């Protein structure tokens, strides 16, 4: 490993950024489960009536959309954690928040427990993402001393 890669890996991550990322992970298990479930229902094991659409093809499309969202949210988390982009992570959290509000407000989508959980986690994560500490996390230059980075991560 060269010295620049070591310096990049040795930087501490600010505590609020860690919290934002930890909360931002919340939709991933649901997206993974929905992707597998709806792809299986649309392609392998057809159910009557279909769960969320009016056709088996619709179930397959819903599963593929969930799979794509799983990948996009995972990439956004990795991007923010690795100090590349916070806007991409923020957009994913905003999309999760808006979708969860829609699901919470629609009585035909099932129980409201998961949408409430996702509303809370995505709203808090989005709020932390727009804080100055998150901007400093992404903009931290390689010339900052380890002491400055450590002070930023705890303060």
N, C-alpha and C. Protein backbone atom coordinates (compact mmCIF):
# COMPACT_ATOMS: atom_id res chain seq x y z
N UNK A 1 0.85 -1.16 0.00
CA UNK A 1 0.00 0.00 0.00
C UNK A 1 0.90 1.23 0.00
N UNK A 2 0.63 2.20 -0.92
CA UNK A 2 1.45 3.40 -0.95
C UNK A 2 1.04 4.37 0.16
N UNK A 3 1.85 5.40 0.38
CA UNK A 3 1.65 6.32 1.50
C UNK A 3 0.34 7.08 1.38
N UNK A 4 -0.05 7.49 0.18
CA UNK A 4 -1.29 8.27 0.03
C UNK A 4 -2.52 7.42 0.37
N UNK A 5 -2.50 6.15 0.02
CA UNK A 5 -3.61 5.27 0.36
C UNK A 5 -3.69 5.07 1.86
N UNK A 6 -2.51 4.99 2.52
CA UNK A 6 -2.50 4.84 3.97
C UNK A 6 -3.05 6.09 4.65
N UNK A 7 -2.64 7.28 4.15
CA UNK A 7 -3.14 8.53 4.72
C UNK A 7 -4.65 8.62 4.59
N UNK A 8 -5.18 8.21 3.44
CA UNK A 8 -6.62 8.24 3.21
C UNK A 8 -7.33 7.32 4.19
N UNK A 9 -6.81 6.13 4.40
CA UNK A 9 -7.44 5.17 5.29
C UNK A 9 -7.28 5.55 6.75
N UNK A 10 -6.24 6.31 7.09
CA UNK A 10 -5.96 6.63 8.49
C UNK A 10 -6.77 7.81 9.00
N UNK A 11 -7.45 8.53 8.14
CA UNK A 11 -8.23 9.67 8.58
C UNK A 11 -9.41 9.22 9.43
N UNK A 12 -9.61 9.86 10.57
CA UNK A 12 -10.79 9.52 11.37
C UNK A 12 -12.05 10.12 10.74
N UNK A 13 -13.15 9.46 10.93
CA UNK A 13 -14.44 9.94 10.43
C UNK A 13 -15.18 10.62 11.56
N UNK A 14 -15.71 11.81 11.29
CA UNK A 14 -16.43 12.57 12.30
C UNK A 14 -17.63 11.77 12.82
N UNK A 15 -17.87 11.85 14.11
CA UNK A 15 -18.94 11.09 14.75
C UNK A 15 -20.31 11.34 14.12
N UNK A 16 -20.70 12.62 13.85
CA UNK A 16 -22.00 12.81 13.21
C UNK A 16 -22.11 12.13 11.84
N UNK A 17 -21.00 12.08 11.11
CA UNK A 17 -21.01 11.41 9.81
C UNK A 17 -21.23 9.91 9.99
N UNK A 18 -20.61 9.33 11.01
CA UNK A 18 -20.81 7.92 11.30
C UNK A 18 -22.29 7.67 11.62
N UNK A 19 -22.90 8.55 12.42
CA UNK A 19 -24.32 8.41 12.75
C UNK A 19 -25.18 8.49 11.49
N UNK A 20 -24.89 9.47 10.61
CA UNK A 20 -25.67 9.63 9.38
C UNK A 20 -25.58 8.38 8.51
N UNK A 21 -24.40 7.82 8.40
CA UNK A 21 -24.21 6.63 7.58
C UNK A 21 -24.91 5.43 8.22
N UNK A 22 -24.79 5.30 9.55
CA UNK A 22 -25.45 4.19 10.23
C UNK A 22 -26.96 4.26 10.05
N UNK A 23 -27.53 5.45 10.12
CA UNK A 23 -28.97 5.60 9.90
C UNK A 23 -29.33 5.41 8.43
N UNK A 24 -28.43 5.81 7.54
CA UNK A 24 -28.68 5.68 6.11
C UNK A 24 -28.71 4.26 5.61
N UNK A 25 -28.20 3.34 6.40
CA UNK A 25 -28.19 1.92 6.04
C UNK A 25 -29.57 1.28 6.24
N UNK A 26 -30.44 1.92 6.99
CA UNK A 26 -31.74 1.33 7.37
C UNK A 26 -32.56 0.77 6.21
N UNK A 27 -32.65 1.43 5.05
CA UNK A 27 -33.49 0.86 4.00
C UNK A 27 -32.90 -0.36 3.29
N UNK A 28 -31.60 -0.61 3.44
CA UNK A 28 -30.97 -1.69 2.68
C UNK A 28 -31.56 -3.07 2.93
N UNK A 29 -31.80 -3.50 4.17
CA UNK A 29 -32.37 -4.84 4.34
C UNK A 29 -33.75 -4.97 3.69
N UNK A 30 -34.55 -3.91 3.78
CA UNK A 30 -35.89 -3.96 3.19
C UNK A 30 -35.81 -4.02 1.66
N UNK A 31 -34.92 -3.22 1.08
CA UNK A 31 -34.76 -3.25 -0.38
C UNK A 31 -34.27 -4.61 -0.85
N UNK A 32 -33.33 -5.20 -0.13
CA UNK A 32 -32.84 -6.53 -0.49
C UNK A 32 -33.92 -7.59 -0.43
N UNK A 33 -34.69 -7.57 0.64
CA UNK A 33 -35.77 -8.55 0.80
C UNK A 33 -36.84 -8.35 -0.27
N UNK A 34 -37.23 -7.09 -0.49
CA UNK A 34 -38.26 -6.81 -1.51
C UNK A 34 -37.78 -7.20 -2.90
N UNK A 35 -36.51 -6.95 -3.19
CA UNK A 35 -35.97 -7.32 -4.51
C UNK A 35 -36.09 -8.82 -4.73
N UNK A 36 -35.63 -9.60 -3.76
CA UNK A 36 -35.69 -11.06 -3.90
C UNK A 36 -37.14 -11.54 -3.96
N UNK A 37 -37.98 -11.02 -3.09
CA UNK A 37 -39.37 -11.44 -3.03
C UNK A 37 -40.12 -11.15 -4.33
N UNK A 38 -40.01 -9.92 -4.82
CA UNK A 38 -40.78 -9.55 -6.01
C UNK A 38 -40.20 -10.15 -7.29
N UNK A 39 -38.88 -10.31 -7.35
CA UNK A 39 -38.31 -11.00 -8.52
C UNK A 39 -38.78 -12.45 -8.52
N UNK A 40 -38.77 -13.08 -7.36
CA UNK A 40 -39.25 -14.47 -7.28
C UNK A 40 -40.73 -14.57 -7.65
N UNK A 41 -41.54 -13.64 -7.17
CA UNK A 41 -42.97 -13.68 -7.47
C UNK A 41 -43.27 -13.36 -8.94
N UNK A 42 -42.44 -12.56 -9.55
CA UNK A 42 -42.67 -12.19 -10.94
C UNK A 42 -42.06 -13.14 -11.94
N UNK A 43 -41.06 -13.92 -11.51
CA UNK A 43 -40.33 -14.74 -12.47
C UNK A 43 -40.39 -16.23 -12.15
N UNK A 44 -40.21 -16.59 -10.89
CA UNK A 44 -40.07 -18.00 -10.55
C UNK A 44 -41.34 -18.62 -9.98
N UNK A 45 -41.95 -17.96 -9.03
CA UNK A 45 -43.11 -18.51 -8.33
C UNK A 45 -44.24 -17.49 -8.36
N UNK A 46 -45.10 -17.61 -9.35
CA UNK A 46 -46.18 -16.64 -9.52
C UNK A 46 -47.21 -16.79 -8.41
N UNK A 47 -47.67 -15.66 -7.89
CA UNK A 47 -48.70 -15.66 -6.85
C UNK A 47 -49.97 -15.06 -7.42
N UNK A 48 -51.11 -15.53 -6.92
CA UNK A 48 -52.39 -15.02 -7.36
C UNK A 48 -53.17 -14.55 -6.15
N UNK A 49 -53.58 -13.33 -6.08
CA UNK A 49 -53.22 -12.23 -6.99
C UNK A 49 -51.82 -11.72 -6.68
N UNK A 50 -51.23 -10.99 -7.62
CA UNK A 50 -49.91 -10.41 -7.38
C UNK A 50 -49.94 -9.49 -6.17
N UNK A 51 -48.80 -9.37 -5.49
CA UNK A 51 -48.73 -8.60 -4.24
C UNK A 51 -48.95 -7.10 -4.42
N UNK A 52 -48.17 -6.47 -5.30
CA UNK A 52 -48.21 -5.01 -5.35
C UNK A 52 -48.62 -4.44 -6.71
N UNK A 53 -48.70 -5.27 -7.72
CA UNK A 53 -49.12 -4.79 -9.05
C UNK A 53 -50.27 -5.67 -9.52
N UNK A 54 -50.69 -5.42 -10.75
CA UNK A 54 -51.81 -6.21 -11.27
C UNK A 54 -51.35 -7.37 -12.15
N UNK A 55 -50.04 -7.57 -12.28
CA UNK A 55 -49.55 -8.66 -13.13
C UNK A 55 -48.25 -9.23 -12.57
N UNK A 56 -47.90 -10.42 -13.02
CA UNK A 56 -46.64 -11.03 -12.62
C UNK A 56 -45.45 -10.26 -13.21
N UNK A 57 -45.63 -9.72 -14.41
CA UNK A 57 -44.58 -8.89 -15.01
C UNK A 57 -44.32 -7.64 -14.18
N UNK A 58 -45.40 -7.08 -13.64
CA UNK A 58 -45.26 -5.91 -12.77
C UNK A 58 -44.49 -6.23 -11.50
N UNK A 59 -44.71 -7.43 -10.97
CA UNK A 59 -43.97 -7.88 -9.78
C UNK A 59 -42.47 -7.97 -10.10
N UNK A 60 -42.16 -8.51 -11.26
CA UNK A 60 -40.76 -8.63 -11.67
C UNK A 60 -40.12 -7.25 -11.83
N UNK A 61 -40.83 -6.33 -12.45
CA UNK A 61 -40.31 -4.97 -12.61
C UNK A 61 -40.10 -4.31 -11.25
N UNK A 62 -41.04 -4.48 -10.33
CA UNK A 62 -40.90 -3.92 -8.98
C UNK A 62 -39.68 -4.50 -8.28
N UNK A 63 -39.45 -5.79 -8.46
CA UNK A 63 -38.27 -6.42 -7.87
C UNK A 63 -36.98 -5.90 -8.46
N UNK A 64 -36.96 -5.69 -9.76
CA UNK A 64 -35.76 -5.16 -10.41
C UNK A 64 -35.50 -3.72 -9.98
N UNK A 65 -36.56 -2.93 -9.81
CA UNK A 65 -36.41 -1.56 -9.31
C UNK A 65 -35.83 -1.57 -7.89
N UNK A 66 -36.35 -2.46 -7.04
CA UNK A 66 -35.83 -2.57 -5.68
C UNK A 66 -34.36 -2.98 -5.69
N UNK A 67 -33.98 -3.86 -6.60
CA UNK A 67 -32.58 -4.29 -6.71
C UNK A 67 -31.68 -3.12 -7.14
N UNK A 68 -32.13 -2.36 -8.11
CA UNK A 68 -31.36 -1.19 -8.56
C UNK A 68 -31.22 -0.18 -7.42
N UNK A 69 -32.31 0.06 -6.70
CA UNK A 69 -32.25 0.99 -5.56
C UNK A 69 -31.30 0.48 -4.48
N UNK A 70 -31.28 -0.82 -4.25
CA UNK A 70 -30.35 -1.41 -3.29
C UNK A 70 -28.91 -1.06 -3.68
N UNK A 71 -28.58 -1.23 -4.94
CA UNK A 71 -27.23 -0.94 -5.42
C UNK A 71 -26.93 0.55 -5.33
N UNK A 72 -27.88 1.39 -5.73
CA UNK A 72 -27.67 2.85 -5.72
C UNK A 72 -27.46 3.35 -4.29
N UNK A 73 -28.28 2.91 -3.35
CA UNK A 73 -28.13 3.35 -1.95
C UNK A 73 -26.80 2.85 -1.38
N UNK A 74 -26.42 1.63 -1.71
CA UNK A 74 -25.13 1.10 -1.24
C UNK A 74 -23.97 1.93 -1.78
N UNK A 75 -24.01 2.28 -3.05
CA UNK A 75 -22.95 3.10 -3.64
C UNK A 75 -22.93 4.48 -3.00
N UNK A 76 -24.09 5.05 -2.72
CA UNK A 76 -24.14 6.38 -2.10
C UNK A 76 -23.53 6.36 -0.70
N UNK A 77 -23.80 5.30 0.05
CA UNK A 77 -23.23 5.17 1.40
C UNK A 77 -21.71 5.06 1.31
N UNK A 78 -21.23 4.23 0.41
CA UNK A 78 -19.80 4.06 0.23
C UNK A 78 -19.14 5.36 -0.21
N UNK A 79 -19.79 6.08 -1.09
CA UNK A 79 -19.25 7.34 -1.59
C UNK A 79 -19.11 8.37 -0.48
N UNK A 80 -20.12 8.47 0.37
CA UNK A 80 -20.06 9.43 1.48
C UNK A 80 -19.04 8.99 2.52
N UNK A 81 -19.03 7.74 2.83
CA UNK A 81 -18.08 7.23 3.83
C UNK A 81 -16.64 7.43 3.38
N UNK A 82 -16.39 7.30 2.09
CA UNK A 82 -15.04 7.45 1.55
C UNK A 82 -14.69 8.87 1.13
N UNK A 83 -15.47 9.85 1.63
CA UNK A 83 -15.21 11.28 1.45
C UNK A 83 -15.30 11.76 0.00
N UNK A 84 -16.14 11.13 -0.80
CA UNK A 84 -16.25 11.56 -2.20
C UNK A 84 -17.43 12.49 -2.44
N UNK A 85 -18.63 12.07 -2.10
CA UNK A 85 -19.83 12.86 -2.35
C UNK A 85 -20.82 12.71 -1.22
N UNK A 86 -21.33 13.83 -0.74
CA UNK A 86 -22.41 13.74 0.24
C UNK A 86 -23.74 14.03 -0.41
N UNK A 87 -23.78 14.75 -1.54
CA UNK A 87 -25.04 15.08 -2.19
C UNK A 87 -25.74 13.82 -2.70
N UNK A 88 -24.98 12.86 -3.19
CA UNK A 88 -25.56 11.61 -3.70
C UNK A 88 -26.22 10.85 -2.54
N UNK A 89 -25.53 10.79 -1.42
CA UNK A 89 -26.09 10.16 -0.22
C UNK A 89 -27.34 10.92 0.24
N UNK A 90 -27.25 12.24 0.25
CA UNK A 90 -28.40 13.06 0.66
C UNK A 90 -29.60 12.87 -0.24
N UNK A 91 -29.37 12.77 -1.54
CA UNK A 91 -30.49 12.53 -2.47
C UNK A 91 -31.14 11.17 -2.22
N UNK A 92 -30.33 10.17 -1.94
CA UNK A 92 -30.89 8.84 -1.64
C UNK A 92 -31.71 8.88 -0.35
N UNK A 93 -31.23 9.62 0.65
CA UNK A 93 -31.99 9.73 1.90
C UNK A 93 -33.27 10.52 1.69
N UNK A 94 -33.22 11.56 0.86
CA UNK A 94 -34.43 12.33 0.55
C UNK A 94 -35.45 11.45 -0.18
N UNK A 95 -34.98 10.65 -1.13
CA UNK A 95 -35.88 9.75 -1.85
C UNK A 95 -36.51 8.73 -0.90
N UNK A 96 -35.71 8.20 0.02
CA UNK A 96 -36.23 7.26 1.02
C UNK A 96 -37.27 7.94 1.89
N UNK A 97 -36.99 9.16 2.31
CA UNK A 97 -37.93 9.92 3.15
C UNK A 97 -39.25 10.15 2.43
N UNK A 98 -39.19 10.61 1.19
CA UNK A 98 -40.42 10.88 0.44
C UNK A 98 -41.22 9.61 0.16
N UNK A 99 -40.53 8.54 -0.22
CA UNK A 99 -41.22 7.27 -0.47
C UNK A 99 -41.87 6.74 0.82
N UNK A 100 -41.18 6.90 1.94
CA UNK A 100 -41.71 6.42 3.22
C UNK A 100 -42.92 7.24 3.66
N UNK A 101 -42.88 8.55 3.41
CA UNK A 101 -44.05 9.39 3.72
C UNK A 101 -45.24 8.96 2.87
N UNK A 102 -44.99 8.67 1.59
CA UNK A 102 -46.07 8.19 0.72
C UNK A 102 -46.64 6.87 1.24
N UNK A 103 -45.76 5.93 1.59
CA UNK A 103 -46.22 4.62 2.08
C UNK A 103 -46.96 4.74 3.41
N UNK A 104 -46.52 5.66 4.26
CA UNK A 104 -47.19 5.88 5.54
C UNK A 104 -48.60 6.45 5.33
N UNK A 105 -48.73 7.32 4.34
CA UNK A 105 -50.01 7.97 4.08
C UNK A 105 -50.98 7.17 3.24
N UNK A 106 -50.55 6.02 2.73
CA UNK A 106 -51.41 5.19 1.89
C UNK A 106 -51.82 3.95 2.68
N UNK A 107 -53.11 3.87 3.06
CA UNK A 107 -53.53 2.75 3.91
C UNK A 107 -53.46 1.37 3.25
N UNK A 108 -53.45 1.31 1.93
CA UNK A 108 -53.45 0.01 1.24
C UNK A 108 -52.07 -0.63 1.15
N UNK A 109 -51.02 0.08 1.62
CA UNK A 109 -49.66 -0.48 1.50
C UNK A 109 -49.26 -1.32 2.70
N UNK A 110 -50.13 -1.51 3.65
CA UNK A 110 -49.83 -2.38 4.77
C UNK A 110 -49.57 -1.61 6.05
N UNK A 111 -49.02 -2.30 7.04
CA UNK A 111 -48.77 -1.67 8.34
C UNK A 111 -47.80 -0.49 8.21
N UNK A 112 -47.89 0.42 9.16
CA UNK A 112 -47.09 1.65 9.07
C UNK A 112 -45.78 1.58 9.84
N UNK A 113 -45.43 0.47 10.44
CA UNK A 113 -44.21 0.37 11.24
C UNK A 113 -42.94 0.63 10.46
N UNK A 114 -42.79 -0.02 9.32
CA UNK A 114 -41.57 0.15 8.52
C UNK A 114 -41.49 1.56 7.95
N UNK A 115 -42.58 2.12 7.39
CA UNK A 115 -42.48 3.50 6.93
C UNK A 115 -42.12 4.49 8.04
N UNK A 116 -42.64 4.29 9.25
CA UNK A 116 -42.29 5.19 10.36
C UNK A 116 -40.79 5.07 10.67
N UNK A 117 -40.29 3.85 10.73
CA UNK A 117 -38.86 3.65 10.97
C UNK A 117 -38.02 4.35 9.91
N UNK A 118 -38.38 4.18 8.65
CA UNK A 118 -37.61 4.78 7.56
C UNK A 118 -37.76 6.29 7.52
N UNK A 119 -38.92 6.82 7.91
CA UNK A 119 -39.09 8.28 7.99
C UNK A 119 -38.13 8.85 9.03
N UNK A 120 -38.08 8.22 10.19
CA UNK A 120 -37.19 8.70 11.25
C UNK A 120 -35.72 8.60 10.85
N UNK A 121 -35.30 7.44 10.36
CA UNK A 121 -33.88 7.26 10.04
C UNK A 121 -33.44 8.14 8.88
N UNK A 122 -34.26 8.23 7.84
CA UNK A 122 -33.85 9.03 6.68
C UNK A 122 -33.90 10.53 6.98
N UNK A 123 -34.85 10.98 7.78
CA UNK A 123 -34.93 12.41 8.13
C UNK A 123 -33.73 12.83 8.97
N UNK A 124 -33.38 12.03 9.96
CA UNK A 124 -32.23 12.36 10.81
C UNK A 124 -30.94 12.29 10.00
N UNK A 125 -30.80 11.26 9.17
CA UNK A 125 -29.61 11.12 8.35
C UNK A 125 -29.49 12.29 7.37
N UNK A 126 -30.59 12.69 6.77
CA UNK A 126 -30.58 13.82 5.84
C UNK A 126 -30.20 15.11 6.56
N UNK A 127 -30.72 15.31 7.77
CA UNK A 127 -30.38 16.51 8.55
C UNK A 127 -28.89 16.55 8.87
N UNK A 128 -28.32 15.42 9.24
CA UNK A 128 -26.89 15.38 9.56
C UNK A 128 -26.06 15.61 8.29
N UNK A 129 -26.55 15.12 7.17
CA UNK A 129 -25.81 15.24 5.91
C UNK A 129 -25.64 16.70 5.49
N UNK A 130 -26.57 17.57 5.84
CA UNK A 130 -26.45 18.97 5.44
C UNK A 130 -25.70 19.81 6.47
N UNK A 131 -25.27 19.23 7.58
CA UNK A 131 -24.51 19.97 8.58
C UNK A 131 -23.10 20.28 8.07
N UNK A 132 -22.50 21.35 8.58
CA UNK A 132 -21.13 21.70 8.16
C UNK A 132 -20.11 20.59 8.42
N UNK A 133 -20.29 19.81 9.48
CA UNK A 133 -19.32 18.74 9.76
C UNK A 133 -19.30 17.72 8.62
N UNK A 134 -20.44 17.51 7.98
CA UNK A 134 -20.48 16.59 6.83
C UNK A 134 -19.75 17.17 5.63
N UNK A 135 -19.89 18.48 5.45
CA UNK A 135 -19.17 19.13 4.36
C UNK A 135 -17.67 19.07 4.60
N UNK A 136 -17.25 19.29 5.84
CA UNK A 136 -15.83 19.19 6.16
C UNK A 136 -15.31 17.77 5.97
N UNK A 137 -16.16 16.79 6.26
CA UNK A 137 -15.76 15.39 6.08
C UNK A 137 -15.41 15.12 4.62
N UNK A 138 -16.21 15.66 3.72
CA UNK A 138 -15.98 15.42 2.30
C UNK A 138 -14.83 16.27 1.77
N UNK A 139 -14.71 17.50 2.28
CA UNK A 139 -13.69 18.42 1.78
C UNK A 139 -12.36 18.35 2.49
N UNK A 140 -12.25 17.49 3.49
CA UNK A 140 -10.99 17.43 4.26
C UNK A 140 -9.82 17.22 3.31
N UNK A 141 -8.88 18.13 3.38
CA UNK A 141 -7.74 18.03 2.46
C UNK A 141 -6.69 17.08 3.03
N UNK A 142 -5.85 16.60 2.17
CA UNK A 142 -4.78 15.70 2.60
C UNK A 142 -3.71 16.44 3.41
N UNK A 143 -3.77 17.76 3.37
CA UNK A 143 -2.76 18.52 4.10
C UNK A 143 -3.13 18.75 5.56
N UNK A 144 -4.34 18.39 5.97
CA UNK A 144 -4.71 18.54 7.37
C UNK A 144 -3.88 17.58 8.20
N UNK A 145 -3.47 18.06 9.35
CA UNK A 145 -2.70 17.20 10.23
C UNK A 145 -3.61 16.17 10.89
N UNK A 146 -3.02 15.12 11.38
CA UNK A 146 -3.80 14.09 12.08
C UNK A 146 -4.48 14.67 13.30
N UNK A 147 -3.83 15.60 13.99
CA UNK A 147 -4.41 16.24 15.17
C UNK A 147 -5.66 17.04 14.80
N UNK A 148 -5.61 17.77 13.68
CA UNK A 148 -6.77 18.53 13.22
C UNK A 148 -7.92 17.60 12.85
N UNK A 149 -7.61 16.52 12.15
CA UNK A 149 -8.64 15.55 11.78
C UNK A 149 -9.26 14.88 13.00
N UNK A 150 -8.43 14.55 13.97
CA UNK A 150 -8.94 13.93 15.19
C UNK A 150 -9.82 14.90 15.97
N UNK A 151 -9.38 16.16 16.06
CA UNK A 151 -10.19 17.17 16.76
C UNK A 151 -11.53 17.36 16.05
N UNK A 152 -11.54 17.31 14.73
CA UNK A 152 -12.77 17.46 13.97
C UNK A 152 -13.70 16.27 14.20
N UNK A 153 -13.13 15.09 14.34
CA UNK A 153 -13.97 13.90 14.48
C UNK A 153 -14.64 13.81 15.84
N UNK A 154 -14.06 14.39 16.87
CA UNK A 154 -14.67 14.33 18.20
C UNK A 154 -15.41 15.61 18.54
N UNK A 155 -15.22 16.64 17.79
CA UNK A 155 -15.86 17.91 18.14
C UNK A 155 -16.79 18.34 17.16
